């Protein structure tokens, strides 16, 4: 049985951190350029520091986290934080290989969208690497639209990312 929950216990938050490490490892398998981007922007030490504050950065009222549990085992995660007034950014949506294709990513995204809506955000933005076509199709199928970059993109990543936005004011049923 699949359950999407807000991680509240230290064990659940640690499970999200482990899944974030799995996500980083997954990105390193995509292609040579993706590996270069990950190693440039998320070297192990920097990523570890970022994950040490994950609960603070992605907590209410300015953010949120979701943990997917299948038969009480952590199998996926996702989170968001505020990047501008009334604008949330979804980050690090990841699903373990063992459950890919079973609707876990959809369930995580649906929960994150609903959480953003409940918190009064007007827009959700996010990005993904171009090699992640399955993720891009999921986001588009859920009502996100492609858009231009919404922040400064370093030269190494230009042309290698897709950017998305959902207008929560116009889409009342995700």
C-alpha atoms as a PDB file:
ATOM      1  CA  UNK A   1       0.000   0.000   0.000  1.00  0.00           C
ATOM      2  CA  UNK A   2       1.301   3.444  -0.971  1.00  0.00           C
ATOM      3  CA  UNK A   3       1.111   6.303   1.495  1.00  0.00           C
ATOM      4  CA  UNK A   4       2.331   9.891   1.024  1.00  0.00           C
ATOM      5  CA  UNK A   5       3.088  11.619   4.307  1.00  0.00           C
ATOM      6  CA  UNK A   6       4.768  14.669   5.742  1.00  0.00           C
ATOM      7  CA  UNK A   7       7.978  13.451   7.406  1.00  0.00           C
ATOM      8  CA  UNK A   8       7.779  14.447  11.061  1.00  0.00           C
ATOM      9  CA  UNK A   9       9.917  11.940  12.979  1.00  0.00           C
ATOM     10  CA  UNK A  10      13.720  11.955  12.937  1.00  0.00           C
ATOM     11  CA  UNK A  11      13.644   8.552  11.168  1.00  0.00           C
ATOM     12  CA  UNK A  12      11.334   9.874   8.458  1.00  0.00           C
ATOM     13  CA  UNK A  13      13.460  12.977   7.886  1.00  0.00           C
ATOM     14  CA  UNK A  14      16.552  10.766   7.702  1.00  0.00           C
ATOM     15  CA  UNK A  15      14.752   8.593   5.134  1.00  0.00           C
ATOM     16  CA  UNK A  16      14.193  11.723   3.010  1.00  0.00           C
ATOM     17  CA  UNK A  17      17.909  12.542   3.298  1.00  0.00           C
ATOM     18  CA  UNK A  18      18.844   9.018   2.172  1.00  0.00           C
ATOM     19  CA  UNK A  19      16.462   9.289  -0.779  1.00  0.00           C
ATOM     20  CA  UNK A  20      18.047  12.642  -1.693  1.00  0.00           C
ATOM     21  CA  UNK A  21      21.448  10.921  -1.771  1.00  0.00           C
ATOM     22  CA  UNK A  22      19.914   8.220  -3.993  1.00  0.00           C
ATOM     23  CA  UNK A  23      18.601  11.018  -6.226  1.00  0.00           C
ATOM     24  CA  UNK A  24      22.063  12.542  -6.528  1.00  0.00           C
ATOM     25  CA  UNK A  25      23.500   9.105  -7.338  1.00  0.00           C
ATOM     26  CA  UNK A  26      20.775   8.610  -9.978  1.00  0.00           C
ATOM     27  CA  UNK A  27      21.627  11.949 -11.634  1.00  0.00           C
ATOM     28  CA  UNK A  28      25.240  10.808 -11.897  1.00  0.00           C
ATOM     29  CA  UNK A  29      24.101   7.875 -14.093  1.00  0.00           C
ATOM     30  CA  UNK A  30      22.307   9.963 -16.734  1.00  0.00           C
ATOM     31  CA  UNK A  31      25.053  11.180 -19.082  1.00  0.00           C
ATOM     32  CA  UNK A  32      28.504  12.760 -18.985  1.00  0.00           C
ATOM     33  CA  UNK A  33      27.222  16.332 -19.002  1.00  0.00           C
ATOM     34  CA  UNK A  34      24.713  15.645 -16.220  1.00  0.00           C
ATOM     35  CA  UNK A  35      27.538  14.145 -14.144  1.00  0.00           C
ATOM     36  CA  UNK A  36      29.609  17.278 -14.717  1.00  0.00           C
ATOM     37  CA  UNK A  37      26.726  19.530 -13.657  1.00  0.00           C
ATOM     38  CA  UNK A  38      26.024  17.487 -10.504  1.00  0.00           C
ATOM     39  CA  UNK A  39      29.700  17.367  -9.521  1.00  0.00           C
ATOM     40  CA  UNK A  40      30.053  21.114 -10.135  1.00  0.00           C
ATOM     41  CA  UNK A  41      26.986  22.265  -8.209  1.00  0.00           C
ATOM     42  CA  UNK A  42      26.519  19.441  -5.723  1.00  0.00           C
ATOM     43  CA  UNK A  43      29.906  18.101  -4.685  1.00  0.00           C
ATOM     44  CA  UNK A  44      29.477  15.654  -1.809  1.00  0.00           C
ATOM     45  CA  UNK A  45      30.450  18.118   0.944  1.00  0.00           C
ATOM     46  CA  UNK A  46      28.161  20.885  -0.322  1.00  0.00           C
ATOM     47  CA  UNK A  47      25.283  18.438  -0.829  1.00  0.00           C
ATOM     48  CA  UNK A  48      25.771  17.067   2.699  1.00  0.00           C
ATOM     49  CA  UNK A  49      25.586  20.612   4.123  1.00  0.00           C
ATOM     50  CA  UNK A  50      22.451  21.318   2.127  1.00  0.00           C
ATOM     51  CA  UNK A  51      20.814  18.100   3.326  1.00  0.00           C
ATOM     52  CA  UNK A  52      21.702  18.875   6.939  1.00  0.00           C
ATOM     53  CA  UNK A  53      19.328  21.873   6.758  1.00  0.00           C
ATOM     54  CA  UNK A  54      16.671  20.250   4.586  1.00  0.00           C
ATOM     55  CA  UNK A  55      14.086  20.152   7.347  1.00  0.00           C
ATOM     56  CA  UNK A  56      14.501  23.875   8.065  1.00  0.00           C
ATOM     57  CA  UNK A  57      14.427  25.046   4.449  1.00  0.00           C
ATOM     58  CA  UNK A  58      11.459  22.873   3.507  1.00  0.00           C
ATOM     59  CA  UNK A  59       9.203  23.396   6.513  1.00  0.00           C
ATOM     60  CA  UNK A  60       5.960  25.359   6.950  1.00  0.00           C
ATOM     61  CA  UNK A  61       4.953  28.008   6.286  1.00  0.00           C
ATOM     62  CA  UNK A  62       7.551  28.597   3.549  1.00  0.00           C
ATOM     63  CA  UNK A  63       7.998  25.028   2.387  1.00  0.00           C
ATOM     64  CA  UNK A  64       7.106  21.404   2.801  1.00  0.00           C
ATOM     65  CA  UNK A  65       8.314  17.849   2.298  1.00  0.00           C
ATOM     66  CA  UNK A  66       6.652  14.615   1.319  1.00  0.00           C
ATOM     67  CA  UNK A  67       7.788  11.050   1.884  1.00  0.00           C
ATOM     68  CA  UNK A  68       6.340   8.146  -0.085  1.00  0.00           C
ATOM     69  CA  UNK A  69       6.054   4.877   1.819  1.00  0.00           C
ATOM     70  CA  UNK A  70       5.155   1.578   0.208  1.00  0.00           C
ATOM     71  CA  UNK A  71       4.380  -1.076   2.791  1.00  0.00           C
ATOM     72  CA  UNK A  72       5.971   1.329   5.308  1.00  0.00           C
ATOM     73  CA  UNK A  73       9.283   1.392   3.374  1.00  0.00           C
ATOM     74  CA  UNK A  74      10.580   4.763   2.051  1.00  0.00           C
ATOM     75  CA  UNK A  75      10.398   4.737  -1.765  1.00  0.00           C
ATOM     76  CA  UNK A  76      10.233   8.390  -2.784  1.00  0.00           C
ATOM     77  CA  UNK A  77      10.324  12.006  -1.754  1.00  0.00           C
ATOM     78  CA  UNK A  78       9.783  15.546  -2.891  1.00  0.00           C
ATOM     79  CA  UNK A  79       9.849  19.014  -1.379  1.00  0.00           C
ATOM     80  CA  UNK A  80       9.234  22.666  -2.052  1.00  0.00           C
ATOM     81  CA  UNK A  81      10.308  26.048  -0.751  1.00  0.00           C
ATOM     82  CA  UNK A  82       9.394  29.667  -1.350  1.00  0.00           C
ATOM     83  CA  UNK A  83      11.444  31.460  -4.013  1.00  0.00           C
ATOM     84  CA  UNK A  84       9.378  34.678  -4.281  1.00  0.00           C
ATOM     85  CA  UNK A  85       6.153  35.996  -2.768  1.00  0.00           C
ATOM     86  CA  UNK A  86       3.396  33.476  -3.610  1.00  0.00           C
ATOM     87  CA  UNK A  87       5.829  31.352  -5.679  1.00  0.00           C
ATOM     88  CA  UNK A  88       6.990  27.883  -4.618  1.00  0.00           C
ATOM     89  CA  UNK A  89       9.718  25.803  -6.214  1.00  0.00           C
ATOM     90  CA  UNK A  90       9.486  22.007  -6.156  1.00  0.00           C
ATOM     91  CA  UNK A  91      12.818  20.283  -5.628  1.00  0.00           C
ATOM     92  CA  UNK A  92      14.291  16.785  -5.529  1.00  0.00           C
ATOM     93  CA  UNK A  93      11.291  14.692  -6.558  1.00  0.00           C
ATOM     94  CA  UNK A  94      12.719  11.186  -6.572  1.00  0.00           C
ATOM     95  CA  UNK A  95      11.282   7.690  -6.815  1.00  0.00           C
ATOM     96  CA  UNK A  96      13.276   4.548  -6.087  1.00  0.00           C
ATOM     97  CA  UNK A  97      13.937   2.357  -9.103  1.00  0.00           C
ATOM     98  CA  UNK A  98      12.026  -0.537  -7.499  1.00  0.00           C
ATOM     99  CA  UNK A  99       8.701   1.361  -7.773  1.00  0.00           C
ATOM    100  CA  UNK A 100       9.175   3.485 -10.893  1.00  0.00           C
ATOM    101  CA  UNK A 101       6.196   3.322 -13.204  1.00  0.00           C
ATOM    102  CA  UNK A 102       3.790   2.503 -10.355  1.00  0.00           C
ATOM    103  CA  UNK A 103       2.370   6.027  -9.897  1.00  0.00           C
ATOM    104  CA  UNK A 104       4.569   7.012  -6.955  1.00  0.00           C
ATOM    105  CA  UNK A 105       5.959  10.121  -8.659  1.00  0.00           C
ATOM    106  CA  UNK A 106       2.440  11.201  -9.614  1.00  0.00           C
ATOM    107  CA  UNK A 107       1.252  10.715  -6.015  1.00  0.00           C
ATOM    108  CA  UNK A 108       4.178  12.717  -4.609  1.00  0.00           C
ATOM    109  CA  UNK A 109       3.614  15.537  -7.105  1.00  0.00           C
ATOM    110  CA  UNK A 110      -0.128  15.571  -6.465  1.00  0.00           C
ATOM    111  CA  UNK A 111       0.508  15.881  -2.728  1.00  0.00           C
ATOM    112  CA  UNK A 112       3.076  18.667  -3.199  1.00  0.00           C
ATOM    113  CA  UNK A 113       0.744  20.593  -5.500  1.00  0.00           C
ATOM    114  CA  UNK A 114      -2.094  20.306  -3.000  1.00  0.00           C
ATOM    115  CA  UNK A 115       0.199  21.402  -0.171  1.00  0.00           C
ATOM    116  CA  UNK A 116       1.285  24.473  -2.189  1.00  0.00           C
ATOM    117  CA  UNK A 117      -2.335  25.296  -2.957  1.00  0.00           C
ATOM    118  CA  UNK A 118      -3.317  24.985   0.725  1.00  0.00           C
ATOM    119  CA  UNK A 119      -0.464  27.305   1.727  1.00  0.00           C
ATOM    120  CA  UNK A 120      -1.715  30.004  -0.617  1.00  0.00           C
ATOM    121  CA  UNK A 121       0.909  29.893  -3.352  1.00  0.00           C
ATOM    122  CA  UNK A 122      -0.167  31.266  -6.747  1.00  0.00           C
ATOM    123  CA  UNK A 123       2.554  29.557  -8.798  1.00  0.00           C
ATOM    124  CA  UNK A 124       4.765  26.506  -8.653  1.00  0.00           C
ATOM    125  CA  UNK A 125       8.014  26.439 -10.595  1.00  0.00           C
ATOM    126  CA  UNK A 126      10.477  23.642 -11.094  1.00  0.00           C
ATOM    127  CA  UNK A 127      13.170  22.385 -13.408  1.00  0.00           C
ATOM    128  CA  UNK A 128      14.628  19.094 -14.521  1.00  0.00           C
ATOM    129  CA  UNK A 129      17.444  17.920 -16.717  1.00  0.00           C
ATOM    130  CA  UNK A 130      16.639  17.280 -20.368  1.00  0.00           C
ATOM    131  CA  UNK A 131      17.633  13.587 -20.065  1.00  0.00           C
ATOM    132  CA  UNK A 132      14.784  13.090 -17.579  1.00  0.00           C
ATOM    133  CA  UNK A 133      12.064  12.803 -20.224  1.00  0.00           C
ATOM    134  CA  UNK A 134       9.779  10.624 -18.090  1.00  0.00           C
ATOM    135  CA  UNK A 135       9.728  13.295 -15.384  1.00  0.00           C
ATOM    136  CA  UNK A 136       9.091  16.021 -17.965  1.00  0.00           C
ATOM    137  CA  UNK A 137       6.129  14.086 -19.399  1.00  0.00           C
ATOM    138  CA  UNK A 138       4.727  13.629 -15.887  1.00  0.00           C
ATOM    139  CA  UNK A 139       4.932  17.346 -15.093  1.00  0.00           C
ATOM    140  CA  UNK A 140       3.292  18.308 -18.384  1.00  0.00           C
ATOM    141  CA  UNK A 141       0.524  15.718 -17.868  1.00  0.00           C
ATOM    142  CA  UNK A 142      -0.218  17.220 -14.449  1.00  0.00           C
ATOM    143  CA  UNK A 143      -0.812  20.704 -15.843  1.00  0.00           C
ATOM    144  CA  UNK A 144       2.630  22.299 -15.739  1.00  0.00           C
ATOM    145  CA  UNK A 145       3.671  24.378 -18.749  1.00  0.00           C
ATOM    146  CA  UNK A 146       7.148  24.800 -20.156  1.00  0.00           C
ATOM    147  CA  UNK A 147       8.605  28.246 -19.547  1.00  0.00           C
ATOM    148  CA  UNK A 148      11.876  30.157 -19.711  1.00  0.00           C
ATOM    149  CA  UNK A 149      14.414  29.965 -16.912  1.00  0.00           C
ATOM    150  CA  UNK A 150      13.169  31.664 -13.750  1.00  0.00           C
ATOM    151  CA  UNK A 151      16.593  32.220 -12.198  1.00  0.00           C
ATOM    152  CA  UNK A 152      20.133  32.869 -13.358  1.00  0.00           C
ATOM    153  CA  UNK A 153      21.514  29.715 -14.984  1.00  0.00           C
ATOM    154  CA  UNK A 154      25.262  29.107 -14.908  1.00  0.00           C
ATOM    155  CA  UNK A 155      26.875  28.583 -18.295  1.00  0.00           C
ATOM    156  CA  UNK A 156      27.551  24.874 -17.676  1.00  0.00           C
ATOM    157  CA  UNK A 157      23.813  24.179 -17.285  1.00  0.00           C
ATOM    158  CA  UNK A 158      22.436  26.410 -20.047  1.00  0.00           C
ATOM    159  CA  UNK A 159      20.617  24.383 -22.646  1.00  0.00           C
ATOM    160  CA  UNK A 160      20.540  21.287 -20.439  1.00  0.00           C
ATOM    161  CA  UNK A 161      17.517  22.070 -18.288  1.00  0.00           C
ATOM    162  CA  UNK A 162      13.762  22.269 -18.814  1.00  0.00           C
ATOM    163  CA  UNK A 163      11.744  24.768 -16.765  1.00  0.00           C
ATOM    164  CA  UNK A 164       8.112  24.383 -15.742  1.00  0.00           C
ATOM    165  CA  UNK A 165       5.388  26.449 -14.115  1.00  0.00           C
ATOM    166  CA  UNK A 166       1.888  25.766 -12.833  1.00  0.00           C
ATOM    167  CA  UNK A 167      -0.550  28.613 -12.228  1.00  0.00           C
ATOM    168  CA  UNK A 168      -2.510  27.508  -9.167  1.00  0.00           C
ATOM    169  CA  UNK A 169      -4.943  30.386  -9.578  1.00  0.00           C
ATOM    170  CA  UNK A 170      -6.154  28.984 -12.899  1.00  0.00           C
ATOM    171  CA  UNK A 171      -5.885  25.283 -12.042  1.00  0.00           C
ATOM    172  CA  UNK A 172      -8.056  24.517  -9.047  1.00  0.00           C
ATOM    173  CA  UNK A 173      -8.001  20.737  -9.412  1.00  0.00           C
ATOM    174  CA  UNK A 174      -4.575  19.158  -9.904  1.00  0.00           C
END
